[in-house]
Amino acid sequence: MGKKSEYFKEYNAQAGKKARIKVYEKMCKGCEICVAFCPVNILEMKGLIVIVNNVDKCTKCMFCELRCPDFAITVE
């Protein structure tokens, strides 16, 4: 599960993996564009906020970050 802060929810991969996804919940409008562009289907909508199901499967393609019109998701 993600680590929650006041500004974002952070999803970190397990040891040995390097993916880190941050979802800025206050900026997310729930448009689902990031979900549609994720090639490994790790993103899903929970209400109007995107959540990350399995960050270990993230390939760091950054399609979600590039396509988000609100800059609500980042991949590190």
PDB file of N, CA and C in Angstrom:
ATOM      1  N   MET A   1       0.848  -1.184   0.000  1.00  0.00           N
ATOM      2  CA  MET A   1       0.000   0.000   0.000  1.00  0.00           C
ATOM      3  C   MET A   1       0.879   1.228   0.000  1.00  0.00           C
ATOM      4  N   GLY A   2       0.292   2.325  -0.280  1.00  0.00           N
ATOM      5  CA  GLY A   2       1.053   3.551  -0.399  1.00  0.00           C
ATOM      6  C   GLY A   2       1.228   4.270   0.920  1.00  0.00           C
ATOM      7  N   LYS A   3       2.305   5.036   0.987  1.00  0.00           N
ATOM      8  CA  LYS A   3       2.560   5.894   2.137  1.00  0.00           C
ATOM      9  C   LYS A   3       1.843   7.207   1.887  1.00  0.00           C
ATOM     10  N   LYS A   4       1.034   7.648   2.823  1.00  0.00           N
ATOM     11  CA  LYS A   4       0.215   8.846   2.648  1.00  0.00           C
ATOM     12  C   LYS A   4       0.856  10.036   3.347  1.00  0.00           C
ATOM     13  N   SER A   5       0.904  11.154   2.645  1.00  0.00           N
ATOM     14  CA  SER A   5       1.321  12.406   3.256  1.00  0.00           C
ATOM     15  C   SER A   5       0.168  13.381   3.090  1.00  0.00           C
ATOM     16  N   GLU A   6       0.380  14.590   3.503  1.00  0.00           N
ATOM     17  CA  GLU A   6      -0.663  15.610   3.365  1.00  0.00           C
ATOM     18  C   GLU A   6      -0.928  15.938   1.900  1.00  0.00           C
ATOM     19  N   TYR A   7       0.088  15.789   1.063  1.00  0.00           N
ATOM     20  CA  TYR A   7      -0.011  16.228  -0.319  1.00  0.00           C
ATOM     21  C   TYR A   7      -0.119  15.103  -1.344  1.00  0.00           C
ATOM     22  N   PHE A   8       0.421  13.938  -1.044  1.00  0.00           N
ATOM     23  CA  PHE A   8       0.430  12.870  -2.036  1.00  0.00           C
ATOM     24  C   PHE A   8       0.448  11.505  -1.363  1.00  0.00           C
ATOM     25  N   LYS A   9       0.136  10.481  -2.158  1.00  0.00           N
ATOM     26  CA  LYS A   9       0.268   9.095  -1.729  1.00  0.00           C
ATOM     27  C   LYS A   9       1.413   8.505  -2.541  1.00  0.00           C
ATOM     28  N   GLU A  10       2.362   7.880  -1.857  1.00  0.00           N
ATOM     29  CA  GLU A  10       3.555   7.359  -2.508  1.00  0.00           C
ATOM     30  C   GLU A  10       3.524   5.848  -2.527  1.00  0.00           C
ATOM     31  N   TYR A  11       3.830   5.269  -3.694  1.00  0.00           N
ATOM     32  CA  TYR A  11       3.901   3.822  -3.862  1.00  0.00           C
ATOM     33  C   TYR A  11       5.335   3.472  -4.224  1.00  0.00           C
ATOM     34  N   ASN A  12       6.005   2.675  -3.408  1.00  0.00           N
ATOM     35  CA  ASN A  12       7.397   2.294  -3.638  1.00  0.00           C
ATOM     36  C   ASN A  12       7.487   0.811  -3.956  1.00  0.00           C
ATOM     37  N   ALA A  13       8.357   0.475  -4.916  1.00  0.00           N
ATOM     38  CA  ALA A  13       8.597  -0.922  -5.257  1.00  0.00           C
ATOM     39  C   ALA A  13       9.381  -1.595  -4.142  1.00  0.00           C
ATOM     40  N   GLN A  14       9.347  -2.921  -4.139  1.00  0.00           N
ATOM     41  CA  GLN A  14      10.086  -3.699  -3.150  1.00  0.00           C
ATOM     42  C   GLN A  14      11.586  -3.561  -3.390  1.00  0.00           C
ATOM     43  N   ALA A  15      12.370  -4.069  -2.457  1.00  0.00           N
ATOM     44  CA  ALA A  15      13.837  -4.007  -2.562  1.00  0.00           C
ATOM     45  C   ALA A  15      14.291  -4.604  -3.891  1.00  0.00           C
ATOM     46  N   GLY A  16      15.267  -3.965  -4.507  1.00  0.00           N
ATOM     47  CA  GLY A  16      15.780  -4.439  -5.787  1.00  0.00           C
ATOM     48  C   GLY A  16      15.099  -3.796  -6.982  1.00  0.00           C
ATOM     49  N   LYS A  17      13.919  -3.258  -6.780  1.00  0.00           N
ATOM     50  CA  LYS A  17      13.202  -2.553  -7.842  1.00  0.00           C
ATOM     51  C   LYS A  17      13.371  -1.063  -7.597  1.00  0.00           C
ATOM     52  N   LYS A  18      13.215  -0.267  -8.638  1.00  0.00           N
ATOM     53  CA  LYS A  18      13.483   1.149  -8.470  1.00  0.00           C
ATOM     54  C   LYS A  18      12.282   2.051  -8.745  1.00  0.00           C
ATOM     55  N   ALA A  19      11.140   1.507  -9.037  1.00  0.00           N
ATOM     56  CA  ALA A  19       9.977   2.331  -9.362  1.00  0.00           C
ATOM     57  C   ALA A  19       9.393   2.991  -8.115  1.00  0.00           C
ATOM     58  N   ARG A  20       9.004   4.242  -8.265  1.00  0.00           N
ATOM     59  CA  ARG A  20       8.297   4.977  -7.220  1.00  0.00           C
ATOM     60  C   ARG A  20       7.266   5.840  -7.929  1.00  0.00           C
ATOM     61  N   ILE A  21       6.012   5.705  -7.528  1.00  0.00           N
ATOM     62  CA  ILE A  21       4.933   6.473  -8.129  1.00  0.00           C
ATOM     63  C   ILE A  21       4.288   7.323  -7.057  1.00  0.00           C
ATOM     64  N   LYS A  22       4.129   8.605  -7.345  1.00  0.00           N
ATOM     65  CA  LYS A  22       3.453   9.516  -6.427  1.00  0.00           C
ATOM     66  C   LYS A  22       2.171  10.008  -7.075  1.00  0.00           C
ATOM     67  N   VAL A  23       1.072   9.920  -6.321  1.00  0.00           N
ATOM     68  CA  VAL A  23      -0.220  10.406  -6.780  1.00  0.00           C
ATOM     69  C   VAL A  23      -0.599  11.606  -5.920  1.00  0.00           C
ATOM     70  N   TYR A  24      -0.726  12.752  -6.542  1.00  0.00           N
ATOM     71  CA  TYR A  24      -1.114  13.977  -5.856  1.00  0.00           C
ATOM     72  C   TYR A  24      -2.641  14.049  -5.877  1.00  0.00           C
ATOM     73  N   GLU A  25      -3.264  13.530  -4.825  1.00  0.00           N
ATOM     74  CA  GLU A  25      -4.709  13.338  -4.786  1.00  0.00           C
ATOM     75  C   GLU A  25      -5.491  14.637  -4.946  1.00  0.00           C
ATOM     76  N   LYS A  26      -4.983  15.739  -4.419  1.00  0.00           N
ATOM     77  CA  LYS A  26      -5.703  17.009  -4.529  1.00  0.00           C
ATOM     78  C   LYS A  26      -5.724  17.533  -5.963  1.00  0.00           C
ATOM     79  N   MET A  27      -4.808  17.063  -6.793  1.00  0.00           N
ATOM     80  CA  MET A  27      -4.739  17.520  -8.174  1.00  0.00           C
ATOM     81  C   MET A  27      -5.475  16.589  -9.134  1.00  0.00           C
ATOM     82  N   CYS A  28      -5.706  15.350  -8.736  1.00  0.00           N
ATOM     83  CA  CYS A  28      -6.347  14.354  -9.598  1.00  0.00           C
ATOM     84  C   CYS A  28      -7.836  14.659  -9.748  1.00  0.00           C
ATOM     85  N   LYS A  29      -8.292  14.775 -11.013  1.00  0.00           N
ATOM     86  CA  LYS A  29      -9.708  15.035 -11.293  1.00  0.00           C
ATOM     87  C   LYS A  29     -10.470  13.757 -11.633  1.00  0.00           C
ATOM     88  N   GLY A  30      -9.775  12.630 -11.698  1.00  0.00           N
ATOM     89  CA  GLY A  30     -10.439  11.368 -11.989  1.00  0.00           C
ATOM     90  C   GLY A  30     -10.763  11.168 -13.454  1.00  0.00           C
ATOM     91  N   CYS A  31      -9.955  11.690 -14.344  1.00  0.00           N
ATOM     92  CA  CYS A  31     -10.228  11.595 -15.776  1.00  0.00           C
ATOM     93  C   CYS A  31      -9.919  10.214 -16.351  1.00  0.00           C
ATOM     94  N   GLU A  32      -9.130   9.406 -15.660  1.00  0.00           N
ATOM     95  CA  GLU A  32      -8.760   8.038 -16.022  1.00  0.00           C
ATOM     96  C   GLU A  32      -7.828   7.936 -17.223  1.00  0.00           C
ATOM     97  N   ILE A  33      -7.245   9.030 -17.665  1.00  0.00           N
ATOM     98  CA  ILE A  33      -6.326   8.975 -18.801  1.00  0.00           C
ATOM     99  C   ILE A  33      -5.096   8.144 -18.449  1.00  0.00           C
ATOM    100  N   CYS A  34      -4.551   8.328 -17.242  1.00  0.00           N
ATOM    101  CA  CYS A  34      -3.372   7.562 -16.831  1.00  0.00           C
ATOM    102  C   CYS A  34      -3.674   6.064 -16.803  1.00  0.00           C
ATOM    103  N   VAL A  35      -4.871   5.710 -16.360  1.00  0.00           N
ATOM    104  CA  VAL A  35      -5.283   4.303 -16.300  1.00  0.00           C
ATOM    105  C   VAL A  35      -5.320   3.712 -17.705  1.00  0.00           C
ATOM    106  N   ALA A  36      -5.864   4.464 -18.649  1.00  0.00           N
ATOM    107  CA  ALA A  36      -5.979   3.985 -20.025  1.00  0.00           C
ATOM    108  C   ALA A  36      -4.625   3.795 -20.698  1.00  0.00           C
ATOM    109  N   PHE A  37      -3.636   4.615 -20.356  1.00  0.00           N
ATOM    110  CA  PHE A  37      -2.333   4.550 -21.014  1.00  0.00           C
ATOM    111  C   PHE A  37      -1.349   3.602 -20.352  1.00  0.00           C
ATOM    112  N   CYS A  38      -1.641   3.087 -19.163  1.00  0.00           N
ATOM    113  CA  CYS A  38      -0.710   2.189 -18.474  1.00  0.00           C
ATOM    114  C   CYS A  38      -0.647   0.839 -19.198  1.00  0.00           C
ATOM    115  N   PRO A  39       0.518   0.483 -19.775  1.00  0.00           N
ATOM    116  CA  PRO A  39       0.609  -0.764 -20.538  1.00  0.00           C
ATOM    117  C   PRO A  39       0.608  -2.031 -19.679  1.00  0.00           C
ATOM    118  N   VAL A  40       0.885  -1.901 -18.383  1.00  0.00           N
ATOM    119  CA  VAL A  40       0.909  -3.083 -17.509  1.00  0.00           C
ATOM    120  C   VAL A  40      -0.289  -3.130 -16.561  1.00  0.00           C
ATOM    121  N   ASN A  41      -1.229  -2.214 -16.737  1.00  0.00           N
ATOM    122  CA  ASN A  41      -2.493  -2.206 -15.991  1.00  0.00           C
ATOM    123  C   ASN A  41      -2.330  -2.237 -14.477  1.00  0.00           C
ATOM    124  N   ILE A  42      -1.449  -1.384 -13.946  1.00  0.00           N
ATOM    125  CA  ILE A  42      -1.280  -1.329 -12.491  1.00  0.00           C
ATOM    126  C   ILE A  42      -2.080  -0.193 -11.867  1.00  0.00           C
ATOM    127  N   LEU A  43      -2.665   0.659 -12.693  1.00  0.00           N
ATOM    128  CA  LEU A  43      -3.441   1.789 -12.182  1.00  0.00           C
ATOM    129  C   LEU A  43      -4.923   1.483 -12.276  1.00  0.00           C
ATOM    130  N   GLU A  44      -5.687   1.948 -11.286  1.00  0.00           N
ATOM    131  CA  GLU A  44      -7.142   1.840 -11.340  1.00  0.00           C
ATOM    132  C   GLU A  44      -7.750   3.004 -10.570  1.00  0.00           C
ATOM    133  N   MET A  45      -8.995   3.254 -10.826  1.00  0.00           N
ATOM    134  CA  MET A  45      -9.686   4.349 -10.159  1.00  0.00           C
ATOM    135  C   MET A  45     -10.406   3.836  -8.919  1.00  0.00           C
ATOM    136  N   LYS A  46     -10.303   4.589  -7.840  1.00  0.00           N
ATOM    137  CA  LYS A  46     -11.056   4.320  -6.611  1.00  0.00           C
ATOM    138  C   LYS A  46     -11.797   5.617  -6.328  1.00  0.00           C
ATOM    139  N   GLY A  47     -13.050   5.635  -6.690  1.00  0.00           N
ATOM    140  CA  GLY A  47     -13.794   6.883  -6.653  1.00  0.00           C
ATOM    141  C   GLY A  47     -13.262   7.784  -7.746  1.00  0.00           C
ATOM    142  N   LEU A  48     -12.809   8.952  -7.387  1.00  0.00           N
ATOM    143  CA  LEU A  48     -12.255   9.884  -8.366  1.00  0.00           C
ATOM    144  C   LEU A  48     -10.741  10.021  -8.259  1.00  0.00           C
ATOM    145  N   ILE A  49     -10.094   9.087  -7.563  1.00  0.00           N
ATOM    146  CA  ILE A  49      -8.651   9.144  -7.362  1.00  0.00           C
ATOM    147  C   ILE A  49      -8.013   7.870  -7.922  1.00  0.00           C
ATOM    148  N   VAL A  50      -6.896   8.039  -8.623  1.00  0.00           N
ATOM    149  CA  VAL A  50      -6.170   6.886  -9.148  1.00  0.00           C
ATOM    150  C   VAL A  50      -5.376   6.225  -8.020  1.00  0.00           C
ATOM    151  N   ILE A  51      -5.344   4.891  -8.023  1.00  0.00           N
ATOM    152  CA  ILE A  51      -4.533   4.136  -7.074  1.00  0.00           C
ATOM    153  C   ILE A  51      -3.629   3.180  -7.855  1.00  0.00           C
ATOM    154  N   VAL A  52      -2.534   2.777  -7.232  1.00  0.00           N
ATOM    155  CA  VAL A  52      -1.571   1.866  -7.832  1.00  0.00           C
ATOM    156  C   VAL A  52      -1.764   0.500  -7.199  1.00  0.00           C
ATOM    157  N   ASN A  53      -2.048  -0.509  -8.022  1.00  0.00           N
ATOM    158  CA  ASN A  53      -2.295  -1.850  -7.504  1.00  0.00           C
ATOM    159  C   ASN A  53      -1.028  -2.618  -7.182  1.00  0.00           C
ATOM    160  N   ASN A  54      -0.059  -2.649  -8.100  1.00  0.00           N
ATOM    161  CA  ASN A  54       1.148  -3.429  -7.884  1.00  0.00           C
ATOM    162  C   ASN A  54       2.331  -2.672  -8.470  1.00  0.00           C
ATOM    163  N   VAL A  55       2.935  -1.808  -7.675  1.00  0.00           N
ATOM    164  CA  VAL A  55       4.020  -0.958  -8.149  1.00  0.00           C
ATOM    165  C   VAL A  55       5.226  -1.777  -8.613  1.00  0.00           C
ATOM    166  N   ASP A  56       5.372  -3.005  -8.144  1.00  0.00           N
ATOM    167  CA  ASP A  56       6.489  -3.850  -8.562  1.00  0.00           C
ATOM    168  C   ASP A  56       6.427  -4.203 -10.045  1.00  0.00           C
ATOM    169  N   LYS A  57       5.257  -4.140 -10.648  1.00  0.00           N
ATOM    170  CA  LYS A  57       5.109  -4.435 -12.072  1.00  0.00           C
ATOM    171  C   LYS A  57       5.344  -3.215 -12.956  1.00  0.00           C
ATOM    172  N   CYS A  58       5.559  -2.068 -12.362  1.00  0.00           N
ATOM    173  CA  CYS A  58       5.763  -0.827 -13.113  1.00  0.00           C
ATOM    174  C   CYS A  58       7.035  -0.921 -13.950  1.00  0.00           C
ATOM    175  N   THR A  59       6.939  -0.589 -15.218  1.00  0.00           N
ATOM    176  CA  THR A  59       8.087  -0.610 -16.125  1.00  0.00           C
ATOM    177  C   THR A  59       8.736   0.765 -16.260  1.00  0.00           C
ATOM    178  N   LYS A  60       8.220   1.758 -15.568  1.00  0.00           N
ATOM    179  CA  LYS A  60       8.700   3.140 -15.600  1.00  0.00           C
ATOM    180  C   LYS A  60       8.663   3.727 -17.013  1.00  0.00           C
ATOM    181  N   CYS A  61       7.622   3.380 -17.770  1.00  0.00           N
ATOM    182  CA  CYS A  61       7.469   3.922 -19.115  1.00  0.00           C
ATOM    183  C   CYS A  61       7.058   5.394 -19.079  1.00  0.00           C
ATOM    184  N   MET A  62       6.466   5.810 -17.969  1.00  0.00           N
ATOM    185  CA  MET A  62       6.053   7.189 -17.710  1.00  0.00           C
ATOM    186  C   MET A  62       4.878   7.661 -18.577  1.00  0.00           C
ATOM    187  N   PHE A  63       4.158   6.745 -19.231  1.00  0.00           N
ATOM    188  CA  PHE A  63       2.986   7.145 -20.017  1.00  0.00           C
ATOM    189  C   PHE A  63       1.950   7.828 -19.134  1.00  0.00           C
ATOM    190  N   CYS A  64       1.768   7.320 -17.918  1.00  0.00           N
ATOM    191  CA  CYS A  64       0.770   7.904 -17.012  1.00  0.00           C
ATOM    192  C   CYS A  64       1.131   9.353 -16.683  1.00  0.00           C
ATOM    193  N   GLU A  65       2.400   9.579 -16.385  1.00  0.00           N
ATOM    194  CA  GLU A  65       2.849  10.929 -16.052  1.00  0.00           C
ATOM    195  C   GLU A  65       2.768  11.870 -17.252  1.00  0.00           C
ATOM    196  N   LEU A  66       3.165  11.392 -18.414  1.00  0.00           N
ATOM    197  CA  LEU A  66       3.169  12.223 -19.615  1.00  0.00           C
ATOM    198  C   LEU A  66       1.772  12.598 -20.083  1.00  0.00           C
ATOM    199  N   ARG A  67       0.816  11.713 -19.870  1.00  0.00           N
ATOM    200  CA  ARG A  67      -0.547  11.940 -20.359  1.00  0.00           C
ATOM    201  C   ARG A  67      -1.470  12.629 -19.359  1.00  0.00           C
ATOM    202  N   CYS A  68      -1.071  12.714 -18.095  1.00  0.00           N
ATOM    203  CA  CYS A  68      -1.929  13.333 -17.076  1.00  0.00           C
ATOM    204  C   CYS A  68      -2.036  14.838 -17.344  1.00  0.00           C
ATOM    205  N   PRO A  69      -3.246  15.333 -17.621  1.00  0.00           N
ATOM    206  CA  PRO A  69      -3.402  16.758 -17.914  1.00  0.00           C
ATOM    207  C   PRO A  69      -3.276  17.648 -16.680  1.00  0.00           C
ATOM    208  N   ASP A  70      -3.328  17.054 -15.501  1.00  0.00           N
ATOM    209  CA  ASP A  70      -3.303  17.826 -14.247  1.00  0.00           C
ATOM    210  C   ASP A  70      -1.999  17.686 -13.475  1.00  0.00           C
ATOM    211  N   PHE A  71      -1.025  16.960 -14.035  1.00  0.00           N
ATOM    212  CA  PHE A  71       0.264  16.735 -13.364  1.00  0.00           C
ATOM    213  C   PHE A  71       0.072  16.117 -11.981  1.00  0.00           C
ATOM    214  N   ALA A  72      -0.883  15.193 -11.871  1.00  0.00           N
ATOM    215  CA  ALA A  72      -1.241  14.592 -10.589  1.00  0.00           C
ATOM    216  C   ALA A  72      -0.493  13.299 -10.296  1.00  0.00           C
ATOM    217  N   ILE A  73       0.318  12.826 -11.220  1.00  0.00           N
ATOM    218  CA  ILE A  73       1.047  11.578 -11.006  1.00  0.00           C
ATOM    219  C   ILE A  73       2.475  11.739 -11.502  1.00  0.00           C
ATOM    220  N   THR A  74       3.430  11.225 -10.723  1.00  0.00           N
ATOM    221  CA  THR A  74       4.836  11.249 -11.146  1.00  0.00           C
ATOM    222  C   THR A  74       5.437   9.869 -10.956  1.00  0.00           C
ATOM    223  N   VAL A  75       6.391   9.546 -11.826  1.00  0.00           N
ATOM    224  CA  VAL A  75       7.102   8.273 -11.755  1.00  0.00           C
ATOM    225  C   VAL A  75       8.572   8.595 -11.581  1.00  0.00           C
ATOM    226  N   GLU A  76       9.187   7.974 -10.579  1.00  0.00           N
ATOM    227  CA  GLU A  76      10.626   8.180 -10.334  1.00  0.00           C
ATOM    228  C   GLU A  76      11.361   6.871 -10.474  1.00  0.00           C
TER     229      GLU A  76
END
